Amino acid sequence: MNKYLNKTTLILAALAVFACGLIGTIVFGFTILSWHNTAASLKNTYEMKIKANEGEFDGLWKKLKQSAQVPEQKKNAFKEIFNSYAGARSTGGDNQTMTWIKESVPNVDLKVYDQLMNIITGSRDTWTMKQTELVSIAEQYNALLVSQPKGFFLNLFGHQKISPKVITSERTEQSFLTGKDDDISLN
């Protein structure tokens, strides 16, 4: 019976080790799958935000172009009004040239420039925020790839680092290359 008990104990111990190994493998497999899903979700979010930013950028330029057309149209309308107004004053007899002093000259409404400035400022602030979001998502995604053991397994699944593409200007790029930035002249 001692041999039988030893065989049974040995079989039970082997089954327990096998069960623990199987459970450990399943938990480890789900952990790896969770890491993969997190990385895939972040990458998908990043790619969709790029598409959304393309739309935002397009909308920004359309707003600016359309808003910038308004002053040109107003200028042309004002020019017509002023020319006809000035022409009507100059036709006549004596002392006609001095009557314009008493008359009111049409005013140009410059509020459109304030509105244009608000559109530019608001749209640029929104654009900057969206660019910052992209960089943040790329940072989270890349952090998954460099922390071990996650990075090892995610690389096995083919995940690659994201280099976020930030839309910038030549002036900004030059400032970062040289380490210098001069004041902006508004003249």
Protein backbone atom coordinates (compact mmCIF):
# COMPACT_ATOMS: atom_id res chain seq x y z
CA MET A 1 0.00 0.00 0.00
CA ASN A 2 2.93 2.30 0.57
CA LYS A 3 3.92 1.93 -3.07
CA TYR A 4 0.34 2.59 -4.12
CA LEU A 5 0.17 5.71 -1.96
CA ASN A 6 3.42 6.95 -3.41
CA LYS A 7 2.16 6.37 -6.97
CA THR A 8 -1.11 8.16 -6.23
CA THR A 9 0.69 11.01 -4.52
CA LEU A 10 3.12 11.23 -7.40
CA ILE A 11 0.28 11.27 -9.96
CA LEU A 12 -1.63 13.89 -7.96
CA ALA A 13 1.52 15.99 -7.61
CA ALA A 14 2.17 15.70 -11.36
CA LEU A 15 -1.42 16.69 -12.13
CA ALA A 16 -1.17 19.64 -9.73
CA VAL A 17 2.06 20.79 -11.38
CA PHE A 18 0.50 20.32 -14.82
CA ALA A 19 -2.64 22.24 -13.77
CA CYS A 20 -0.56 25.07 -12.30
CA GLY A 21 1.54 25.15 -15.46
CA LEU A 22 -1.57 25.17 -17.64
CA ILE A 23 -3.20 27.92 -15.59
CA GLY A 24 0.04 29.91 -15.62
CA THR A 25 0.32 29.50 -19.40
CA ILE A 26 -3.29 30.59 -19.91
CA VAL A 27 -2.83 33.64 -17.65
CA PHE A 28 0.43 34.51 -19.40
CA GLY A 29 -1.26 34.08 -22.80
CA PHE A 30 -4.11 36.39 -21.81
CA THR A 31 -1.60 38.90 -20.45
CA ILE A 32 0.27 38.94 -23.76
CA LEU A 33 -3.04 39.22 -25.62
CA SER A 34 -4.01 42.15 -23.38
CA TRP A 35 -0.71 43.90 -24.14
CA HIS A 36 -1.27 43.34 -27.86
CA ASN A 37 -4.84 44.68 -27.67
CA THR A 38 -3.72 47.77 -25.75
CA ALA A 39 -0.99 48.50 -28.30
CA ALA A 40 -3.31 47.87 -31.25
CA SER A 41 -5.96 50.14 -29.74
CA LEU A 42 -3.46 52.97 -29.18
CA LYS A 43 -2.11 52.63 -32.70
CA ASN A 44 -5.63 52.69 -34.14
CA THR A 45 -6.46 55.78 -32.06
CA TYR A 46 -3.30 57.45 -33.31
CA GLU A 47 -4.09 56.71 -36.96
CA MET A 48 -7.70 57.89 -36.63
CA LYS A 49 -6.60 61.10 -34.92
CA ILE A 50 -4.28 61.77 -37.85
CA LYS A 51 -7.28 61.49 -40.19
CA ALA A 52 -9.31 63.75 -37.89
CA ASN A 53 -6.44 66.25 -37.86
CA GLU A 54 -6.39 66.30 -41.66
CA GLY A 55 -10.04 67.34 -41.56
CA GLU A 56 -9.36 69.91 -38.85
CA PHE A 57 -6.43 71.35 -40.79
CA ASP A 58 -8.51 71.53 -43.98
CA GLY A 59 -11.33 73.24 -42.06
CA LEU A 60 -8.87 75.74 -40.57
CA TRP A 61 -7.61 76.82 -43.98
CA LYS A 62 -11.10 76.97 -45.46
CA LYS A 63 -12.25 79.22 -42.61
CA LEU A 64 -9.24 81.47 -43.08
CA LYS A 65 -9.59 81.68 -46.84
CA GLN A 66 -13.32 82.36 -46.70
CA SER A 67 -12.97 84.87 -43.90
CA ALA A 68 -10.16 86.61 -45.73
CA GLN A 69 -12.41 87.04 -48.78
CA VAL A 70 -14.88 89.12 -46.77
CA PRO A 71 -12.56 92.15 -46.30
CA GLU A 72 -11.75 92.15 -50.03
CA GLN A 73 -15.45 92.15 -50.89
CA LYS A 74 -16.11 94.85 -48.31
CA LYS A 75 -13.23 96.91 -49.64
CA ASN A 76 -14.60 96.71 -53.19
CA ALA A 77 -18.12 97.58 -52.02
CA PHE A 78 -16.77 100.51 -49.97
CA LYS A 79 -14.73 101.68 -52.96
CA GLU A 80 -17.86 101.71 -55.13
CA ILE A 81 -19.88 103.58 -52.50
CA PHE A 82 -17.12 106.08 -51.83
CA ASN A 83 -16.44 106.71 -55.53
CA SER A 84 -20.11 107.29 -56.26
CA TYR A 85 -20.39 109.44 -53.14
CA ALA A 86 -17.34 111.52 -54.12
CA GLY A 87 -18.55 111.74 -57.71
CA ALA A 88 -21.94 113.04 -56.60
CA ARG A 89 -20.27 115.73 -54.49
CA SER A 90 -18.01 117.01 -57.18
CA THR A 91 -20.70 117.63 -59.79
CA GLY A 92 -22.15 121.02 -59.41
CA GLY A 93 -21.36 124.66 -59.31
CA ASP A 94 -19.48 127.05 -57.12
CA ASN A 95 -18.39 126.10 -53.61
CA GLN A 96 -19.36 122.51 -54.28
CA THR A 97 -15.90 121.24 -53.33
CA MET A 98 -16.26 122.49 -49.75
CA THR A 99 -19.63 120.89 -49.01
CA TRP A 100 -17.98 117.55 -48.35
CA ILE A 101 -16.54 118.94 -45.12
CA LYS A 102 -20.04 119.12 -43.61
CA GLU A 103 -21.04 115.69 -44.88
CA SER A 104 -20.39 112.39 -43.25
CA VAL A 105 -18.00 110.07 -45.08
CA PRO A 106 -19.07 106.41 -44.96
CA ASN A 107 -17.28 104.42 -42.28
CA VAL A 108 -15.50 101.14 -42.94
CA ASP A 109 -16.44 98.41 -40.48
CA LEU A 110 -13.16 96.81 -39.39
CA LYS A 111 -14.85 94.28 -37.10
CA VAL A 112 -14.30 91.65 -39.75
CA TYR A 113 -10.56 91.82 -39.01
CA ASP A 114 -11.27 91.18 -35.33
CA GLN A 115 -13.41 88.20 -36.30
CA LEU A 116 -10.69 86.94 -38.60
CA MET A 117 -8.15 87.25 -35.77
CA ASN A 118 -10.47 85.30 -33.44
CA ILE A 119 -10.86 82.56 -36.05
CA ILE A 120 -7.10 82.35 -36.52
CA THR A 121 -6.32 82.31 -32.81
CA GLY A 122 -9.07 79.84 -31.89
CA SER A 123 -8.30 77.51 -34.76
CA ARG A 124 -4.56 77.56 -34.09
CA ASP A 125 -5.13 76.82 -30.39
CA THR A 126 -7.39 73.88 -31.30
CA TRP A 127 -4.84 72.67 -33.83
CA THR A 128 -2.03 72.84 -31.26
CA MET A 129 -4.13 70.85 -28.78
CA LYS A 130 -4.82 68.16 -31.38
CA GLN A 131 -1.13 67.92 -32.28
CA THR A 132 -0.31 67.53 -28.58
CA GLU A 133 -2.87 64.70 -28.33
CA LEU A 134 -1.15 62.89 -31.20
CA VAL A 135 2.23 63.15 -29.51
CA SER A 136 0.73 61.92 -26.23
CA ILE A 137 -0.82 58.85 -27.87
CA ALA A 138 2.44 58.05 -29.64
CA GLU A 139 4.27 58.41 -26.32
CA GLN A 140 1.90 55.94 -24.61
CA TYR A 141 2.20 53.47 -27.47
CA ASN A 142 5.99 53.71 -27.60
CA ALA A 143 6.19 53.28 -23.81
CA LEU A 144 4.53 49.87 -24.23
CA LEU A 145 7.23 48.85 -26.71
CA VAL A 146 10.18 49.79 -24.51
CA SER A 147 9.00 48.30 -21.22
CA GLN A 148 9.96 44.66 -20.83
CA PRO A 149 8.72 41.98 -21.12
CA LYS A 150 5.85 43.72 -22.98
CA GLY A 151 8.14 45.16 -25.61
CA PHE A 152 9.64 41.78 -26.47
CA PHE A 153 6.27 40.16 -27.09
CA LEU A 154 4.78 43.18 -28.85
CA ASN A 155 7.78 43.21 -31.20
CA LEU A 156 7.06 39.52 -31.91
CA PHE A 157 3.54 40.60 -32.97
CA GLY A 158 5.11 43.15 -35.33
CA HIS A 159 4.40 46.34 -33.40
CA GLN A 160 6.79 49.16 -34.40
CA LYS A 161 7.50 52.51 -32.75
CA ILE A 162 5.47 55.50 -33.93
CA SER A 163 7.33 58.65 -34.92
CA PRO A 164 4.64 61.31 -34.54
CA LYS A 165 4.41 63.69 -37.47
CA VAL A 166 3.82 67.16 -36.13
CA ILE A 167 2.81 69.84 -38.64
CA THR A 168 5.09 72.80 -38.10
CA SER A 169 6.73 75.68 -39.97
CA GLU A 170 10.18 76.11 -41.46
CA ARG A 171 10.86 78.84 -38.90
CA THR A 172 10.10 76.48 -36.00
CA GLU A 173 12.19 73.68 -37.47
CA GLN A 174 15.09 76.10 -37.98
CA SER A 175 14.78 77.31 -34.36
CA PHE A 176 15.01 73.74 -33.08
CA LEU A 177 17.98 72.99 -35.32
CA THR A 178 19.95 76.09 -34.31
CA GLY A 179 18.69 76.43 -30.75
CA LYS A 180 17.89 80.11 -31.43
CA ASP A 181 14.62 81.97 -31.81
CA ASP A 182 14.50 85.67 -32.53
CA ASP A 183 11.58 87.92 -31.70
CA ILE A 184 8.77 88.17 -34.20
CA SER A 185 8.38 91.56 -35.85
CA LEU A 186 4.79 92.62 -36.48
CA ASN A 187 5.83 95.24 -39.03
